[in-house]
Amino acid sequence: MDARLVELIRRRERLLVRAEVQRDELAGMVQQWRVPAAAVDRVMAALQALKAHPVLLAFPLTLLVLSRPRRVAAWAGRAWMMWRFWQASPLAKWLKHAK
């Protein structure tokens, strides 16, 4: 056989082994994110369900408002402030443009 061809075959074998090692390393890295990614998926699905059916929030919010109006007002103010901070954050802007 030609020496160049033999060298190409050896190089191909080394590259195949290297690719297999890299695939194994990547699989290990992905595995550690599997559980957190599943949790994020569940939260996103819940948010989508609430977005599609906003009436689901009416009953708990009604009970909350009727039970302690002052506490609800204080929490509403905090929630509004956090919402405003979120809207101004770079992450929110990036997510809005990523869609």
PDB file of N, CA and C in Angstrom:
ATOM      1  N   MET A   1       0.822  -1.188   0.000  1.00  0.00           N
ATOM      2  CA  MET A   1       0.000   0.000   0.000  1.00  0.00           C
ATOM      3  C   MET A   1       0.864   1.249   0.000  1.00  0.00           C
ATOM      4  N   ASP A   2       0.307   2.251  -0.490  1.00  0.00           N
ATOM      5  CA  ASP A   2       0.987   3.538  -0.522  1.00  0.00           C
ATOM      6  C   ASP A   2       1.111   4.076   0.907  1.00  0.00           C
ATOM      7  N   ALA A   3       2.252   4.649   1.249  1.00  0.00           N
ATOM      8  CA  ALA A   3       2.499   5.170   2.604  1.00  0.00           C
ATOM      9  C   ALA A   3       1.521   6.287   2.947  1.00  0.00           C
ATOM     10  N   ARG A   4       1.166   7.080   1.961  1.00  0.00           N
ATOM     11  CA  ARG A   4       0.210   8.173   2.191  1.00  0.00           C
ATOM     12  C   ARG A   4      -1.170   7.622   2.535  1.00  0.00           C
ATOM     13  N   LEU A   5      -1.576   6.588   1.861  1.00  0.00           N
ATOM     14  CA  LEU A   5      -2.877   5.962   2.130  1.00  0.00           C
ATOM     15  C   LEU A   5      -2.896   5.344   3.529  1.00  0.00           C
ATOM     16  N   VAL A   6      -1.811   4.687   3.900  1.00  0.00           N
ATOM     17  CA  VAL A   6      -1.720   4.093   5.237  1.00  0.00           C
ATOM     18  C   VAL A   6      -1.818   5.182   6.306  1.00  0.00           C
ATOM     19  N   GLU A   7      -1.138   6.291   6.082  1.00  0.00           N
ATOM     20  CA  GLU A   7      -1.192   7.394   7.046  1.00  0.00           C
ATOM     21  C   GLU A   7      -2.603   7.971   7.135  1.00  0.00           C
ATOM     22  N   LEU A   8      -3.296   8.084   6.007  1.00  0.00           N
ATOM     23  CA  LEU A   8      -4.682   8.573   6.016  1.00  0.00           C
ATOM     24  C   LEU A   8      -5.590   7.625   6.795  1.00  0.00           C
ATOM     25  N   ILE A   9      -5.404   6.336   6.629  1.00  0.00           N
ATOM     26  CA  ILE A   9      -6.217   5.355   7.362  1.00  0.00           C
ATOM     27  C   ILE A   9      -5.961   5.472   8.864  1.00  0.00           C
ATOM     28  N   ARG A  10      -4.710   5.602   9.255  1.00  0.00           N
ATOM     29  CA  ARG A  10      -4.375   5.755  10.674  1.00  0.00           C
ATOM     30  C   ARG A  10      -4.968   7.049  11.242  1.00  0.00           C
ATOM     31  N   ARG A  11      -4.857   8.117  10.454  1.00  0.00           N
ATOM     32  CA  ARG A  11      -5.408   9.400  10.912  1.00  0.00           C
ATOM     33  C   ARG A  11      -6.922   9.302  11.074  1.00  0.00           C
ATOM     34  N   ARG A  12      -7.566   8.635  10.148  1.00  0.00           N
ATOM     35  CA  ARG A  12      -9.015   8.449  10.232  1.00  0.00           C
ATOM     36  C   ARG A  12      -9.382   7.681  11.493  1.00  0.00           C
ATOM     37  N   GLU A  13      -8.638   6.627  11.810  1.00  0.00           N
ATOM     38  CA  GLU A  13      -8.900   5.847  13.014  1.00  0.00           C
ATOM     39  C   GLU A  13      -8.717   6.691  14.268  1.00  0.00           C
ATOM     40  N   ARG A  14      -7.656   7.515  14.308  1.00  0.00           N
ATOM     41  CA  ARG A  14      -7.444   8.395  15.463  1.00  0.00           C
ATOM     42  C   ARG A  14      -8.579   9.402  15.608  1.00  0.00           C
ATOM     43  N   LEU A  15      -9.022   9.936  14.479  1.00  0.00           N
ATOM     44  CA  LEU A  15     -10.119  10.899  14.522  1.00  0.00           C
ATOM     45  C   LEU A  15     -11.426  10.252  14.979  1.00  0.00           C
ATOM     46  N   LEU A  16     -11.670   9.026  14.548  1.00  0.00           N
ATOM     47  CA  LEU A  16     -12.875   8.323  14.984  1.00  0.00           C
ATOM     48  C   LEU A  16     -12.865   8.074  16.496  1.00  0.00           C
ATOM     49  N   VAL A  17     -11.714   7.664  17.014  1.00  0.00           N
ATOM     50  CA  VAL A  17     -11.592   7.452  18.466  1.00  0.00           C
ATOM     51  C   VAL A  17     -11.788   8.775  19.198  1.00  0.00           C
ATOM     52  N   ARG A  18     -11.173   9.824  18.699  1.00  0.00           N
ATOM     53  CA  ARG A  18     -11.304  11.144  19.330  1.00  0.00           C
ATOM     54  C   ARG A  18     -12.760  11.619  19.320  1.00  0.00           C
ATOM     55  N   ALA A  19     -13.457  11.398  18.215  1.00  0.00           N
ATOM     56  CA  ALA A  19     -14.860  11.792  18.120  1.00  0.00           C
ATOM     57  C   ALA A  19     -15.710  11.014  19.120  1.00  0.00           C
ATOM     58  N   GLU A  20     -15.413   9.732  19.288  1.00  0.00           N
ATOM     59  CA  GLU A  20     -16.166   8.924  20.250  1.00  0.00           C
ATOM     60  C   GLU A  20     -15.954   9.428  21.677  1.00  0.00           C
ATOM     61  N   VAL A  21     -14.712   9.778  22.020  1.00  0.00           N
ATOM     62  CA  VAL A  21     -14.415  10.318  23.349  1.00  0.00           C
ATOM     63  C   VAL A  21     -15.157  11.641  23.552  1.00  0.00           C
ATOM     64  N   GLN A  22     -15.152  12.477  22.548  1.00  0.00           N
ATOM     65  CA  GLN A  22     -15.844  13.765  22.654  1.00  0.00           C
ATOM     66  C   GLN A  22     -17.347  13.579  22.798  1.00  0.00           C
ATOM     67  N   ARG A  23     -17.923  12.605  22.093  1.00  0.00           N
ATOM     68  CA  ARG A  23     -19.355  12.324  22.236  1.00  0.00           C
ATOM     69  C   ARG A  23     -19.676  11.882  23.658  1.00  0.00           C
ATOM     70  N   ASP A  24     -18.818  11.036  24.229  1.00  0.00           N
ATOM     71  CA  ASP A  24     -19.032  10.583  25.599  1.00  0.00           C
ATOM     72  C   ASP A  24     -18.949  11.748  26.590  1.00  0.00           C
ATOM     73  N   GLU A  25     -17.978  12.631  26.399  1.00  0.00           N
ATOM     74  CA  GLU A  25     -17.844  13.798  27.269  1.00  0.00           C
ATOM     75  C   GLU A  25     -19.064  14.703  27.158  1.00  0.00           C
ATOM     76  N   LEU A  26     -19.517  14.925  25.944  1.00  0.00           N
ATOM     77  CA  LEU A  26     -20.693  15.766  25.720  1.00  0.00           C
ATOM     78  C   LEU A  26     -21.936  15.147  26.347  1.00  0.00           C
ATOM     79  N   ALA A  27     -22.088  13.845  26.224  1.00  0.00           N
ATOM     80  CA  ALA A  27     -23.232  13.162  26.831  1.00  0.00           C
ATOM     81  C   ALA A  27     -23.212  13.333  28.346  1.00  0.00           C
ATOM     82  N   GLY A  28     -22.033  13.276  28.948  1.00  0.00           N
ATOM     83  CA  GLY A  28     -21.928  13.495  30.393  1.00  0.00           C
ATOM     84  C   GLY A  28     -22.307  14.906  30.789  1.00  0.00           C
ATOM     85  N   MET A  29     -21.892  15.889  29.996  1.00  0.00           N
ATOM     86  CA  MET A  29     -22.240  17.279  30.297  1.00  0.00           C
ATOM     87  C   MET A  29     -23.742  17.523  30.143  1.00  0.00           C
ATOM     88  N   VAL A  30     -24.332  16.946  29.122  1.00  0.00           N
ATOM     89  CA  VAL A  30     -25.770  17.122  28.894  1.00  0.00           C
ATOM     90  C   VAL A  30     -26.569  16.433  30.002  1.00  0.00           C
ATOM     91  N   GLN A  31     -26.094  15.300  30.462  1.00  0.00           N
ATOM     92  CA  GLN A  31     -26.802  14.529  31.481  1.00  0.00           C
ATOM     93  C   GLN A  31     -27.017  15.348  32.754  1.00  0.00           C
ATOM     94  N   GLN A  32     -26.045  16.135  33.163  1.00  0.00           N
ATOM     95  CA  GLN A  32     -26.184  16.898  34.397  1.00  0.00           C
ATOM     96  C   GLN A  32     -27.222  18.009  34.282  1.00  0.00           C
ATOM     97  N   TRP A  33     -27.568  18.409  33.064  1.00  0.00           N
ATOM     98  CA  TRP A  33     -28.574  19.455  32.865  1.00  0.00           C
ATOM     99  C   TRP A  33     -29.959  18.896  32.562  1.00  0.00           C
ATOM    100  N   ARG A  34     -30.077  17.592  32.480  1.00  0.00           N
ATOM    101  CA  ARG A  34     -31.350  16.989  32.111  1.00  0.00           C
ATOM    102  C   ARG A  34     -32.456  17.306  33.120  1.00  0.00           C
ATOM    103  N   VAL A  35     -32.183  17.162  34.422  1.00  0.00           N
ATOM    104  CA  VAL A  35     -33.188  17.405  35.461  1.00  0.00           C
ATOM    105  C   VAL A  35     -33.567  18.889  35.535  1.00  0.00           C
ATOM    106  N   PRO A  36     -32.579  19.816  35.598  1.00  0.00           N
ATOM    107  CA  PRO A  36     -32.973  21.229  35.608  1.00  0.00           C
ATOM    108  C   PRO A  36     -33.748  21.645  34.347  1.00  0.00           C
ATOM    109  N   ALA A  37     -33.374  21.106  33.206  1.00  0.00           N
ATOM    110  CA  ALA A  37     -34.088  21.451  31.970  1.00  0.00           C
ATOM    111  C   ALA A  37     -35.523  20.940  32.014  1.00  0.00           C
ATOM    112  N   ALA A  38     -35.728  19.762  32.590  1.00  0.00           N
ATOM    113  CA  ALA A  38     -37.087  19.223  32.715  1.00  0.00           C
ATOM    114  C   ALA A  38     -37.927  20.099  33.644  1.00  0.00           C
ATOM    115  N   ALA A  39     -37.318  20.603  34.716  1.00  0.00           N
ATOM    116  CA  ALA A  39     -38.040  21.490  35.637  1.00  0.00           C
ATOM    117  C   ALA A  39     -38.436  22.788  34.930  1.00  0.00           C
ATOM    118  N   VAL A  40     -37.528  23.327  34.153  1.00  0.00           N
ATOM    119  CA  VAL A  40     -37.835  24.549  33.401  1.00  0.00           C
ATOM    120  C   VAL A  40     -38.960  24.277  32.402  1.00  0.00           C
ATOM    121  N   ASP A  41     -38.931  23.124  31.763  1.00  0.00           N
ATOM    122  CA  ASP A  41     -39.996  22.768  30.820  1.00  0.00           C
ATOM    123  C   ASP A  41     -41.353  22.699  31.520  1.00  0.00           C
ATOM    124  N   ARG A  42     -41.376  22.131  32.737  1.00  0.00           N
ATOM    125  CA  ARG A  42     -42.642  22.043  33.478  1.00  0.00           C
ATOM    126  C   ARG A  42     -43.156  23.432  33.853  1.00  0.00           C
ATOM    127  N   VAL A  43     -42.257  24.306  34.287  1.00  0.00           N
ATOM    128  CA  VAL A  43     -42.664  25.669  34.645  1.00  0.00           C
ATOM    129  C   VAL A  43     -43.200  26.395  33.411  1.00  0.00           C
ATOM    130  N   MET A  44     -42.506  26.245  32.299  1.00  0.00           N
ATOM    131  CA  MET A  44     -42.963  26.903  31.067  1.00  0.00           C
ATOM    132  C   MET A  44     -44.325  26.372  30.623  1.00  0.00           C
ATOM    133  N   ALA A  45     -44.550  25.068  30.768  1.00  0.00           N
ATOM    134  CA  ALA A  45     -45.848  24.491  30.413  1.00  0.00           C
ATOM    135  C   ALA A  45     -46.947  25.039  31.322  1.00  0.00           C
ATOM    136  N   ALA A  46     -46.643  25.194  32.611  1.00  0.00           N
ATOM    137  CA  ALA A  46     -47.631  25.756  33.537  1.00  0.00           C
ATOM    138  C   ALA A  46     -47.945  27.207  33.177  1.00  0.00           C
ATOM    139  N   LEU A  47     -46.924  27.966  32.837  1.00  0.00           N
ATOM    140  CA  LEU A  47     -47.152  29.354  32.434  1.00  0.00           C
ATOM    141  C   LEU A  47     -47.967  29.443  31.146  1.00  0.00           C
ATOM    142  N   GLN A  48     -47.699  28.543  30.209  1.00  0.00           N
ATOM    143  CA  GLN A  48     -48.481  28.522  28.971  1.00  0.00           C
ATOM    144  C   GLN A  48     -49.947  28.186  29.261  1.00  0.00           C
ATOM    145  N   ALA A  49     -50.170  27.246  30.197  1.00  0.00           N
ATOM    146  CA  ALA A  49     -51.536  26.882  30.562  1.00  0.00           C
ATOM    147  C   ALA A  49     -52.258  28.064  31.205  1.00  0.00           C
ATOM    148  N   LEU A  50     -51.562  28.792  32.085  1.00  0.00           N
ATOM    149  CA  LEU A  50     -52.173  29.966  32.704  1.00  0.00           C
ATOM    150  C   LEU A  50     -52.431  31.068  31.679  1.00  0.00           C
ATOM    151  N   LYS A  51     -51.528  31.181  30.721  1.00  0.00           N
ATOM    152  CA  LYS A  51     -51.726  32.180  29.669  1.00  0.00           C
ATOM    153  C   LYS A  51     -52.938  31.822  28.806  1.00  0.00           C
ATOM    154  N   ALA A  52     -53.116  30.539  28.555  1.00  0.00           N
ATOM    155  CA  ALA A  52     -54.250  30.097  27.735  1.00  0.00           C
ATOM    156  C   ALA A  52     -55.563  30.137  28.509  1.00  0.00           C
ATOM    157  N   HIS A  53     -55.494  29.966  29.842  1.00  0.00           N
ATOM    158  CA  HIS A  53     -56.711  29.924  30.674  1.00  0.00           C
ATOM    159  C   HIS A  53     -56.531  30.839  31.888  1.00  0.00           C
ATOM    160  N   PRO A  54     -56.585  32.147  31.708  1.00  0.00           N
ATOM    161  CA  PRO A  54     -56.355  33.064  32.835  1.00  0.00           C
ATOM    162  C   PRO A  54     -57.428  32.975  33.916  1.00  0.00           C
ATOM    163  N   VAL A  55     -58.559  32.396  33.600  1.00  0.00           N
ATOM    164  CA  VAL A  55     -59.631  32.259  34.588  1.00  0.00           C
ATOM    165  C   VAL A  55     -59.194  31.353  35.737  1.00  0.00           C
ATOM    166  N   LEU A  56     -58.222  30.477  35.498  1.00  0.00           N
ATOM    167  CA  LEU A  56     -57.738  29.589  36.553  1.00  0.00           C
ATOM    168  C   LEU A  56     -57.163  30.364  37.738  1.00  0.00           C
ATOM    169  N   LEU A  57     -56.739  31.593  37.517  1.00  0.00           N
ATOM    170  CA  LEU A  57     -56.208  32.413  38.603  1.00  0.00           C
ATOM    171  C   LEU A  57     -57.292  33.159  39.366  1.00  0.00           C
ATOM    172  N   ALA A  58     -58.493  33.245  38.826  1.00  0.00           N
ATOM    173  CA  ALA A  58     -59.540  34.065  39.430  1.00  0.00           C
ATOM    174  C   ALA A  58     -59.923  33.587  40.830  1.00  0.00           C
ATOM    175  N   PHE A  59     -60.151  32.319  41.017  1.00  0.00           N
ATOM    176  CA  PHE A  59     -60.595  31.812  42.314  1.00  0.00           C
ATOM    177  C   PHE A  59     -59.546  31.999  43.409  1.00  0.00           C
ATOM    178  N   PRO A  60     -58.304  31.572  43.211  1.00  0.00           N
ATOM    179  CA  PRO A  60     -57.313  31.797  44.272  1.00  0.00           C
ATOM    180  C   PRO A  60     -57.067  33.278  44.566  1.00  0.00           C
ATOM    181  N   LEU A  61     -57.065  34.107  43.527  1.00  0.00           N
ATOM    182  CA  LEU A  61     -56.871  35.537  43.752  1.00  0.00           C
ATOM    183  C   LEU A  61     -58.034  36.148  44.506  1.00  0.00           C
ATOM    184  N   THR A  62     -59.241  35.704  44.220  1.00  0.00           N
ATOM    185  CA  THR A  62     -60.411  36.194  44.937  1.00  0.00           C
ATOM    186  C   THR A  62     -60.317  35.829  46.415  1.00  0.00           C
ATOM    187  N   LEU A  63     -59.966  34.598  46.711  1.00  0.00           N
ATOM    188  CA  LEU A  63     -59.804  34.191  48.112  1.00  0.00           C
ATOM    189  C   LEU A  63     -58.716  35.005  48.806  1.00  0.00           C
ATOM    190  N   LEU A  64     -57.640  35.252  48.115  1.00  0.00           N
ATOM    191  CA  LEU A  64     -56.539  36.013  48.685  1.00  0.00           C
ATOM    192  C   LEU A  64     -56.959  37.446  48.997  1.00  0.00           C
ATOM    193  N   VAL A  65     -57.643  38.068  48.065  1.00  0.00           N
ATOM    194  CA  VAL A  65     -58.078  39.453  48.253  1.00  0.00           C
ATOM    195  C   VAL A  65     -59.086  39.552  49.388  1.00  0.00           C
ATOM    196  N   LEU A  66     -59.996  38.609  49.472  1.00  0.00           N
ATOM    197  CA  LEU A  66     -61.012  38.653  50.524  1.00  0.00           C
ATOM    198  C   LEU A  66     -60.425  38.352  51.900  1.00  0.00           C
ATOM    199  N   SER A  67     -59.359  37.605  51.954  1.00  0.00           N
ATOM    200  CA  SER A  67     -58.815  37.205  53.247  1.00  0.00           C
ATOM    201  C   SER A  67     -58.002  38.318  53.915  1.00  0.00           C
ATOM    202  N   ARG A  68     -57.089  38.956  53.215  1.00  0.00           N
ATOM    203  CA  ARG A  68     -56.223  39.974  53.822  1.00  0.00           C
ATOM    204  C   ARG A  68     -55.900  41.069  52.803  1.00  0.00           C
ATOM    205  N   PRO A  69     -56.788  42.052  52.678  1.00  0.00           N
ATOM    206  CA  PRO A  69     -56.587  43.093  51.661  1.00  0.00           C
ATOM    207  C   PRO A  69     -55.289  43.891  51.819  1.00  0.00           C
ATOM    208  N   ARG A  70     -54.890  44.236  53.056  1.00  0.00           N
ATOM    209  CA  ARG A  70     -53.671  45.034  53.221  1.00  0.00           C
ATOM    210  C   ARG A  70     -52.435  44.251  52.796  1.00  0.00           C
ATOM    211  N   ARG A  71     -52.394  42.996  53.179  1.00  0.00           N
ATOM    212  CA  ARG A  71     -51.247  42.172  52.809  1.00  0.00           C
ATOM    213  C   ARG A  71     -51.186  42.003  51.292  1.00  0.00           C
ATOM    214  N   VAL A  72     -52.355  41.824  50.678  1.00  0.00           N
ATOM    215  CA  VAL A  72     -52.406  41.685  49.222  1.00  0.00           C
ATOM    216  C   VAL A  72     -51.906  42.965  48.554  1.00  0.00           C
ATOM    217  N   ALA A  73     -52.296  44.112  49.096  1.00  0.00           N
ATOM    218  CA  ALA A  73     -51.849  45.384  48.514  1.00  0.00           C
ATOM    219  C   ALA A  73     -50.331  45.520  48.628  1.00  0.00           C
ATOM    220  N   ALA A  74     -49.776  45.126  49.756  1.00  0.00           N
ATOM    221  CA  ALA A  74     -48.319  45.210  49.927  1.00  0.00           C
ATOM    222  C   ALA A  74     -47.609  44.277  48.955  1.00  0.00           C
ATOM    223  N   TRP A  75     -48.096  43.069  48.832  1.00  0.00           N
ATOM    224  CA  TRP A  75     -47.472  42.117  47.910  1.00  0.00           C
ATOM    225  C   TRP A  75     -47.665  42.543  46.455  1.00  0.00           C
ATOM    226  N   ALA A  76     -48.810  43.146  46.165  1.00  0.00           N
ATOM    227  CA  ALA A  76     -49.040  43.619  44.793  1.00  0.00           C
ATOM    228  C   ALA A  76     -48.030  44.709  44.437  1.00  0.00           C
ATOM    229  N   GLY A  77     -47.740  45.593  45.386  1.00  0.00           N
ATOM    230  CA  GLY A  77     -46.743  46.626  45.135  1.00  0.00           C
ATOM    231  C   GLY A  77     -45.372  46.028  44.888  1.00  0.00           C
ATOM    232  N   ARG A  78     -45.004  45.031  45.689  1.00  0.00           N
ATOM    233  CA  ARG A  78     -43.712  44.363  45.482  1.00  0.00           C
ATOM    234  C   ARG A  78     -43.677  43.645  44.141  1.00  0.00           C
ATOM    235  N   ALA A  79     -44.773  42.973  43.813  1.00  0.00           N
ATOM    236  CA  ALA A  79     -44.830  42.246  42.543  1.00  0.00           C
ATOM    237  C   ALA A  79     -44.713  43.208  41.363  1.00  0.00           C
ATOM    238  N   TRP A  80     -45.381  44.364  41.467  1.00  0.00           N
ATOM    239  CA  TRP A  80     -45.304  45.361  40.401  1.00  0.00           C
ATOM    240  C   TRP A  80     -43.875  45.868  40.235  1.00  0.00           C
ATOM    241  N   MET A  81     -43.198  46.122  41.369  1.00  0.00           N
ATOM    242  CA  MET A  81     -41.821  46.592  41.318  1.00  0.00           C
ATOM    243  C   MET A  81     -40.922  45.534  40.666  1.00  0.00           C
ATOM    244  N   MET A  82     -41.079  44.265  41.049  1.00  0.00           N
ATOM    245  CA  MET A  82     -40.277  43.201  40.465  1.00  0.00           C
ATOM    246  C   MET A  82     -40.568  43.060  38.965  1.00  0.00           C
ATOM    247  N   TRP A  83     -41.824  43.216  38.593  1.00  0.00           N
ATOM    248  CA  TRP A  83     -42.190  43.145  37.171  1.00  0.00           C
ATOM    249  C   TRP A  83     -41.486  44.250  36.385  1.00  0.00           C
ATOM    250  N   ARG A  84     -41.458  45.439  36.948  1.00  0.00           N
ATOM    251  CA  ARG A  84     -40.793  46.558  36.266  1.00  0.00           C
ATOM    252  C   ARG A  84     -39.284  46.313  36.138  1.00  0.00           C
ATOM    253  N   PHE A  85     -38.677  45.779  37.211  1.00  0.00           N
ATOM    254  CA  PHE A  85     -37.251  45.442  37.147  1.00  0.00           C
ATOM    255  C   PHE A  85     -37.013  44.396  36.073  1.00  0.00           C
ATOM    256  N   TRP A  86     -37.893  43.402  36.016  1.00  0.00           N
ATOM    257  CA  TRP A  86     -37.735  42.340  35.024  1.00  0.00           C
ATOM    258  C   TRP A  86     -37.838  42.897  33.613  1.00  0.00           C
ATOM    259  N   GLN A  87     -38.811  43.758  33.368  1.00  0.00           N
ATOM    260  CA  GLN A  87     -38.996  44.328  32.042  1.00  0.00           C
ATOM    261  C   GLN A  87     -37.780  45.130  31.600  1.00  0.00           C
ATOM    262  N   ALA A  88     -37.079  45.744  32.553  1.00  0.00           N
ATOM    263  CA  ALA A  88     -35.913  46.558  32.218  1.00  0.00           C
ATOM    264  C   ALA A  88     -34.623  45.738  32.149  1.00  0.00           C
ATOM    265  N   SER A  89     -34.687  44.477  32.530  1.00  0.00           N
ATOM    266  CA  SER A  89     -33.464  43.676  32.583  1.00  0.00           C
ATOM    267  C   SER A  89     -33.004  43.270  31.182  1.00  0.00           C
ATOM    268  N   PRO A  90     -31.706  43.115  31.003  1.00  0.00           N
ATOM    269  CA  PRO A  90     -31.175  42.679  29.701  1.00  0.00           C
ATOM    270  C   PRO A  90     -31.662  41.277  29.319  1.00  0.00           C
ATOM    271  N   LEU A  91     -31.853  40.403  30.315  1.00  0.00           N
ATOM    272  CA  LEU A  91     -32.324  39.052  30.016  1.00  0.00           C
ATOM    273  C   LEU A  91     -33.723  39.078  29.415  1.00  0.00           C
ATOM    274  N   ALA A  92     -34.597  39.890  29.965  1.00  0.00           N
ATOM    275  CA  ALA A  92     -35.965  39.991  29.431  1.00  0.00           C
ATOM    276  C   ALA A  92     -35.949  40.523  28.004  1.00  0.00           C
ATOM    277  N   LYS A  93     -35.109  41.509  27.760  1.00  0.00           N
ATOM    278  CA  LYS A  93     -35.017  42.053  26.399  1.00  0.00           C
ATOM    279  C   LYS A  93     -34.484  41.019  25.421  1.00  0.00           C
ATOM    280  N   TRP A  94     -33.481  40.266  25.875  1.00  0.00           N
ATOM    281  CA  TRP A  94     -32.909  39.227  25.011  1.00  0.00           C
ATOM    282  C   TRP A  94     -33.943  38.151  24.724  1.00  0.00           C
ATOM    283  N   LEU A  95     -34.695  37.724  25.746  1.00  0.00           N
ATOM    284  CA  LEU A  95     -35.714  36.696  25.543  1.00  0.00           C
ATOM    285  C   LEU A  95     -36.819  37.178  24.615  1.00  0.00           C
ATOM    286  N   LYS A  96     -37.159  38.452  24.721  1.00  0.00           N
ATOM    287  CA  LYS A  96     -38.209  39.006  23.864  1.00  0.00           C
ATOM    288  C   LYS A  96     -37.766  38.980  22.395  1.00  0.00           C
ATOM    289  N   HIS A  97     -36.503  39.288  22.151  1.00  0.00           N
ATOM    290  CA  HIS A  97     -35.991  39.298  20.777  1.00  0.00           C
ATOM    291  C   HIS A  97     -35.655  37.904  20.266  1.00  0.00           C
ATOM    292  N   ALA A  98     -35.464  36.946  21.177  1.00  0.00           N
ATOM    293  CA  ALA A  98     -35.110  35.593  20.781  1.00  0.00           C
ATOM    294  C   ALA A  98     -36.302  34.868  20.156  1.00  0.00           C
ATOM    295  N   LYS A  99     -37.503  35.316  20.464  1.00  0.00           N
ATOM    296  CA  LYS A  99     -38.700  34.669  19.915  1.00  0.00           C
ATOM    297  C   LYS A  99     -38.791  35.016  18.477  1.00  0.00           C
TER     298      LYS A  99
END
